[in-house]
């Protein structure tokens, strides 16, 4: 009969340890999730805006958007790569600036 209470004590102890471990993991995950969630949201928005800028560049008449590199960070668009003419460089900057949410454009496009 002494074995039964001992087993119950160990079961209760393991339940307590499991509960503390789960609680610890939940608290840590909640703290990390908030920070990572905000970063992921910003990253997703940057990627979405970069895609919208690429579409705007592709729709620009007389501009080959394929070799133009587009990077976005918090509403600031950076264009990189090469174009044939100064008019194409300027057109790319204007097209990027017309995309909703773009706050500024850094035009690093160079002439071939």
N, C-alpha and C. Protein backbone atom coordinates (compact mmCIF):
# COMPACT_ATOMS: atom_id res chain seq x y z
N UNK A 1 0.80 -1.20 0.00
CA UNK A 1 0.00 0.00 0.00
C UNK A 1 0.85 1.27 0.00
N UNK A 2 2.07 1.20 0.43
CA UNK A 2 2.91 2.39 0.47
C UNK A 2 3.30 2.83 -0.93
N UNK A 3 3.32 1.91 -1.89
CA UNK A 3 3.71 2.25 -3.25
C UNK A 3 2.70 3.17 -3.93
N UNK A 4 1.46 3.06 -3.65
CA UNK A 4 0.42 3.85 -4.30
C UNK A 4 0.54 5.32 -3.95
N UNK A 5 0.67 5.73 -2.69
CA UNK A 5 0.84 7.16 -2.40
C UNK A 5 2.11 7.72 -3.03
N UNK A 6 3.17 6.91 -3.07
CA UNK A 6 4.42 7.37 -3.65
C UNK A 6 4.24 7.67 -5.14
N UNK A 7 3.55 6.80 -5.85
CA UNK A 7 3.29 6.99 -7.28
C UNK A 7 2.46 8.26 -7.48
N UNK A 8 1.48 8.48 -6.65
CA UNK A 8 0.64 9.66 -6.75
C UNK A 8 1.46 10.93 -6.55
N UNK A 9 2.40 10.90 -5.61
CA UNK A 9 3.26 12.06 -5.37
C UNK A 9 4.11 12.33 -6.60
N UNK A 10 4.69 11.27 -7.18
CA UNK A 10 5.50 11.46 -8.39
C UNK A 10 4.67 11.97 -9.56
N UNK A 11 3.46 11.45 -9.71
CA UNK A 11 2.58 11.93 -10.78
C UNK A 11 2.26 13.41 -10.59
N UNK A 12 1.97 13.79 -9.37
CA UNK A 12 1.69 15.20 -9.08
C UNK A 12 2.92 16.07 -9.33
N UNK A 13 4.09 15.55 -8.95
CA UNK A 13 5.32 16.30 -9.18
C UNK A 13 5.57 16.48 -10.67
N UNK A 14 5.38 15.43 -11.46
CA UNK A 14 5.58 15.53 -12.91
C UNK A 14 4.56 16.47 -13.54
N UNK A 15 3.34 16.44 -13.07
CA UNK A 15 2.32 17.37 -13.58
C UNK A 15 2.73 18.82 -13.29
N UNK A 16 3.23 19.04 -12.08
CA UNK A 16 3.68 20.38 -11.70
C UNK A 16 4.85 20.82 -12.58
N UNK A 17 5.81 19.94 -12.79
CA UNK A 17 6.97 20.27 -13.64
C UNK A 17 6.50 20.55 -15.07
N UNK A 18 5.61 19.71 -15.59
CA UNK A 18 5.09 19.91 -16.95
C UNK A 18 4.35 21.25 -17.04
N UNK A 19 3.55 21.57 -16.03
CA UNK A 19 2.81 22.83 -16.03
C UNK A 19 3.77 24.02 -16.03
N UNK A 20 4.80 23.97 -15.20
CA UNK A 20 5.77 25.07 -15.13
C UNK A 20 6.50 25.21 -16.46
N UNK A 21 6.88 24.08 -17.08
CA UNK A 21 7.56 24.13 -18.38
C UNK A 21 6.67 24.74 -19.45
N UNK A 22 5.42 24.32 -19.50
CA UNK A 22 4.48 24.87 -20.49
C UNK A 22 4.27 26.36 -20.24
N UNK A 23 4.11 26.74 -19.00
CA UNK A 23 3.94 28.14 -18.65
C UNK A 23 5.16 28.96 -19.07
N UNK A 24 6.34 28.44 -18.81
CA UNK A 24 7.59 29.11 -19.19
C UNK A 24 7.65 29.29 -20.71
N UNK A 25 7.34 28.25 -21.45
CA UNK A 25 7.37 28.32 -22.91
C UNK A 25 6.34 29.31 -23.45
N UNK A 26 5.17 29.33 -22.84
CA UNK A 26 4.13 30.26 -23.31
C UNK A 26 4.55 31.71 -23.06
N UNK A 27 5.13 31.99 -21.91
CA UNK A 27 5.55 33.36 -21.60
C UNK A 27 6.66 33.79 -22.55
N UNK A 28 7.63 32.93 -22.80
CA UNK A 28 8.72 33.26 -23.71
C UNK A 28 8.22 33.41 -25.14
N UNK A 29 7.34 32.54 -25.57
CA UNK A 29 6.81 32.62 -26.93
C UNK A 29 5.99 33.89 -27.12
N UNK A 30 5.24 34.27 -26.11
CA UNK A 30 4.44 35.49 -26.21
C UNK A 30 5.33 36.72 -26.32
N UNK A 31 6.39 36.76 -25.56
CA UNK A 31 7.30 37.89 -25.62
C UNK A 31 8.01 37.98 -26.95
N UNK A 32 8.47 36.85 -27.46
CA UNK A 32 9.16 36.83 -28.75
C UNK A 32 8.19 37.05 -29.89
N UNK A 33 7.00 36.50 -29.78
CA UNK A 33 6.03 36.61 -30.87
C UNK A 33 5.63 38.04 -31.14
N UNK A 34 5.52 38.84 -30.13
CA UNK A 34 5.15 40.23 -30.32
C UNK A 34 6.22 40.96 -31.12
N UNK A 35 7.46 40.79 -30.75
CA UNK A 35 8.55 41.48 -31.45
C UNK A 35 8.71 40.93 -32.87
N UNK A 36 8.74 39.63 -33.00
CA UNK A 36 8.91 39.03 -34.32
C UNK A 36 7.71 39.32 -35.21
N UNK A 37 6.53 39.37 -34.61
CA UNK A 37 5.34 39.67 -35.39
C UNK A 37 5.42 41.06 -36.00
N UNK A 38 5.90 42.03 -35.24
CA UNK A 38 6.02 43.39 -35.75
C UNK A 38 7.05 43.45 -36.87
N UNK A 39 8.19 42.76 -36.69
CA UNK A 39 9.21 42.73 -37.72
C UNK A 39 8.70 42.05 -38.98
N UNK A 40 7.97 40.97 -38.80
CA UNK A 40 7.44 40.24 -39.95
C UNK A 40 6.43 41.10 -40.71
N UNK A 41 5.63 41.86 -39.98
CA UNK A 41 4.65 42.73 -40.61
C UNK A 41 5.33 43.81 -41.45
N UNK A 42 6.38 44.41 -40.91
CA UNK A 42 7.14 45.43 -41.64
C UNK A 42 7.80 44.81 -42.86
N UNK A 43 8.37 43.63 -42.68
CA UNK A 43 9.03 42.94 -43.79
C UNK A 43 8.03 42.60 -44.90
N UNK A 44 6.86 42.11 -44.52
CA UNK A 44 5.82 41.80 -45.51
C UNK A 44 5.40 43.06 -46.26
N UNK A 45 5.24 44.15 -45.56
CA UNK A 45 4.84 45.41 -46.20
C UNK A 45 5.93 45.90 -47.14
N UNK A 46 7.19 45.78 -46.74
CA UNK A 46 8.30 46.17 -47.61
C UNK A 46 8.29 45.34 -48.89
N UNK A 47 8.11 44.03 -48.74
CA UNK A 47 8.09 43.14 -49.91
C UNK A 47 6.90 43.47 -50.83
N UNK A 48 5.75 43.73 -50.23
CA UNK A 48 4.57 44.07 -51.02
C UNK A 48 4.80 45.37 -51.79
N UNK A 49 5.35 46.36 -51.12
CA UNK A 49 5.60 47.64 -51.77
C UNK A 49 6.64 47.49 -52.88
N UNK A 50 7.67 46.67 -52.67
CA UNK A 50 8.68 46.43 -53.70
C UNK A 50 8.04 45.80 -54.93
N UNK A 51 7.12 44.88 -54.72
CA UNK A 51 6.42 44.25 -55.84
C UNK A 51 5.56 45.27 -56.59
N UNK A 52 4.90 46.15 -55.85
CA UNK A 52 4.08 47.19 -56.48
C UNK A 52 4.94 48.15 -57.28
N UNK A 53 6.13 48.47 -56.78
CA UNK A 53 7.04 49.34 -57.52
C UNK A 53 7.50 48.65 -58.80
N UNK A 54 7.82 47.35 -58.70
CA UNK A 54 8.24 46.60 -59.90
C UNK A 54 7.14 46.62 -60.96
N UNK A 55 5.89 46.47 -60.54
CA UNK A 55 4.77 46.53 -61.49
C UNK A 55 4.69 47.91 -62.12
N UNK A 56 4.84 48.95 -61.30
CA UNK A 56 4.79 50.32 -61.83
C UNK A 56 5.92 50.55 -62.83
N UNK A 57 7.10 50.02 -62.56
CA UNK A 57 8.22 50.17 -63.49
C UNK A 57 7.96 49.41 -64.78
N UNK A 58 7.38 48.22 -64.67
CA UNK A 58 7.08 47.41 -65.85
C UNK A 58 6.04 48.09 -66.74
N UNK A 59 5.15 48.86 -66.15
CA UNK A 59 4.10 49.53 -66.91
C UNK A 59 4.58 50.84 -67.52
N UNK A 60 5.76 51.27 -67.15
CA UNK A 60 6.30 52.53 -67.67
C UNK A 60 6.77 52.32 -69.11
N UNK A 61 6.22 53.11 -70.03
CA UNK A 61 6.55 52.98 -71.45
C UNK A 61 8.03 53.27 -71.69
N UNK A 62 8.66 52.42 -72.51
CA UNK A 62 10.05 52.64 -72.88
C UNK A 62 11.06 52.31 -71.80
N UNK A 63 10.64 51.58 -70.76
CA UNK A 63 11.54 51.25 -69.67
C UNK A 63 11.58 49.74 -69.48
N UNK A 64 12.77 49.17 -69.50
CA UNK A 64 12.94 47.75 -69.22
C UNK A 64 13.15 47.60 -67.71
N UNK A 65 12.13 47.12 -67.02
CA UNK A 65 12.18 47.03 -65.56
C UNK A 65 12.96 45.82 -65.06
N UNK A 66 13.20 44.85 -65.91
CA UNK A 66 13.84 43.60 -65.48
C UNK A 66 15.18 43.81 -64.78
N UNK A 67 16.09 44.62 -65.32
CA UNK A 67 17.39 44.76 -64.65
C UNK A 67 17.42 45.77 -63.49
N UNK A 68 16.27 46.34 -63.18
CA UNK A 68 16.23 47.35 -62.11
C UNK A 68 15.98 46.64 -60.77
N UNK A 69 16.87 46.88 -59.83
CA UNK A 69 16.76 46.32 -58.50
C UNK A 69 15.95 47.28 -57.62
N UNK A 70 14.97 46.73 -56.92
CA UNK A 70 14.10 47.54 -56.06
C UNK A 70 14.22 47.04 -54.63
N UNK A 71 14.56 47.95 -53.72
CA UNK A 71 14.58 47.63 -52.30
C UNK A 71 13.73 48.65 -51.57
N UNK A 72 13.01 48.18 -50.56
CA UNK A 72 12.13 49.07 -49.79
C UNK A 72 12.41 48.86 -48.31
N UNK A 73 12.52 49.97 -47.61
CA UNK A 73 12.66 49.92 -46.16
C UNK A 73 11.83 51.04 -45.56
N UNK A 74 10.74 50.67 -44.92
CA UNK A 74 9.85 51.63 -44.24
C UNK A 74 9.42 52.78 -45.14
N UNK A 75 9.00 52.45 -46.35
CA UNK A 75 8.47 53.45 -47.26
C UNK A 75 9.50 54.15 -48.12
N UNK A 76 10.77 53.86 -47.90
CA UNK A 76 11.83 54.46 -48.71
C UNK A 76 12.26 53.44 -49.76
N UNK A 77 12.09 53.79 -51.02
CA UNK A 77 12.42 52.91 -52.13
C UNK A 77 13.80 53.27 -52.66
N UNK A 78 14.63 52.25 -52.84
CA UNK A 78 15.95 52.45 -53.44
C UNK A 78 16.00 51.68 -54.75
N UNK A 79 16.28 52.41 -55.83
CA UNK A 79 16.39 51.81 -57.16
C UNK A 79 17.87 51.64 -57.48
N UNK A 80 18.22 50.49 -58.03
CA UNK A 80 19.60 50.23 -58.41
C UNK A 80 19.66 49.52 -59.75
N UNK A 81 20.81 49.56 -60.38
CA UNK A 81 20.99 48.90 -61.66
C UNK A 81 21.35 49.90 -62.74
N UNK A 82 21.10 49.50 -63.99
CA UNK A 82 21.49 50.32 -65.13
C UNK A 82 20.33 50.51 -66.10
N UNK A 83 20.29 51.67 -66.71
CA UNK A 83 19.34 51.98 -67.78
C UNK A 83 20.12 52.61 -68.94
N UNK A 84 19.48 52.70 -70.09
CA UNK A 84 20.14 53.22 -71.30
C UNK A 84 20.23 54.75 -71.33
N UNK A 85 19.17 55.41 -70.85
CA UNK A 85 19.09 56.87 -71.01
C UNK A 85 18.73 57.55 -69.70
N UNK A 86 19.09 58.82 -69.60
CA UNK A 86 18.73 59.63 -68.44
C UNK A 86 17.21 59.74 -68.31
N UNK A 87 16.51 59.82 -69.43
CA UNK A 87 15.05 59.91 -69.39
C UNK A 87 14.44 58.65 -68.75
N UNK A 88 15.05 57.49 -68.97
CA UNK A 88 14.57 56.25 -68.35
C UNK A 88 14.84 56.26 -66.84
N UNK A 89 15.97 56.79 -66.46
CA UNK A 89 16.32 56.91 -65.04
C UNK A 89 15.29 57.78 -64.33
N UNK A 90 14.97 58.91 -64.93
CA UNK A 90 14.00 59.82 -64.34
C UNK A 90 12.60 59.21 -64.32
N UNK A 91 12.24 58.53 -65.41
CA UNK A 91 10.91 57.90 -65.48
C UNK A 91 10.76 56.82 -64.40
N UNK A 92 11.82 56.08 -64.16
CA UNK A 92 11.77 55.04 -63.12
C UNK A 92 11.56 55.67 -61.75
N UNK A 93 12.25 56.75 -61.48
CA UNK A 93 12.08 57.44 -60.20
C UNK A 93 10.67 57.97 -60.00
N UNK A 94 10.13 58.54 -61.07
CA UNK A 94 8.75 59.07 -60.99
C UNK A 94 7.75 57.93 -60.79
N UNK A 95 7.92 56.83 -61.53
CA UNK A 95 7.00 55.70 -61.43
C UNK A 95 7.03 55.11 -60.02
N UNK A 96 8.21 54.98 -59.45
CA UNK A 96 8.33 54.45 -58.09
C UNK A 96 7.66 55.39 -57.08
N UNK A 97 7.82 56.68 -57.29
CA UNK A 97 7.24 57.67 -56.38
C UNK A 97 5.73 57.72 -56.40
N UNK A 98 5.12 57.24 -57.48
CA UNK A 98 3.66 57.25 -57.58
C UNK A 98 2.99 56.08 -56.85
N UNK A 99 3.76 55.11 -56.43
CA UNK A 99 3.18 53.95 -55.74
C UNK A 99 2.70 54.37 -54.35
N UNK A 100 1.51 53.94 -54.02
CA UNK A 100 0.92 54.30 -52.72
C UNK A 100 1.80 53.80 -51.58
N UNK A 101 2.07 54.66 -50.63
CA UNK A 101 2.86 54.30 -49.46
C UNK A 101 4.33 54.67 -49.57
N UNK A 102 4.78 55.00 -50.78
CA UNK A 102 6.18 55.38 -50.96
C UNK A 102 6.37 56.78 -50.42
N UNK A 103 7.30 56.92 -49.48
CA UNK A 103 7.56 58.23 -48.89
C UNK A 103 8.67 58.96 -49.62
N UNK A 104 9.66 58.22 -50.11
CA UNK A 104 10.74 58.84 -50.88
C UNK A 104 11.41 57.78 -51.75
N UNK A 105 12.12 58.26 -52.76
CA UNK A 105 12.83 57.37 -53.69
C UNK A 105 14.29 57.78 -53.73
N UNK A 106 15.15 56.82 -53.53
CA UNK A 106 16.59 57.03 -53.70
C UNK A 106 16.94 56.37 -55.02
N UNK A 107 17.28 57.19 -56.00
CA UNK A 107 17.50 56.69 -57.35
C UNK A 107 19.00 56.51 -57.61
N UNK A 108 19.45 55.26 -57.46
CA UNK A 108 20.85 54.93 -57.72
C UNK A 108 21.04 54.31 -59.10
N UNK A 109 20.06 54.48 -59.98
CA UNK A 109 20.20 53.93 -61.34
C UNK A 109 21.32 54.66 -62.06
N UNK A 110 22.09 53.89 -62.80
CA UNK A 110 23.22 54.45 -63.54
C UNK A 110 23.02 54.22 -65.03
N UNK A 111 23.64 55.06 -65.82
CA UNK A 111 23.57 54.92 -67.28
C UNK A 111 24.63 53.92 -67.73
N UNK A 112 24.23 53.11 -68.71
CA UNK A 112 25.19 52.13 -69.27
C UNK A 112 26.22 52.82 -70.10
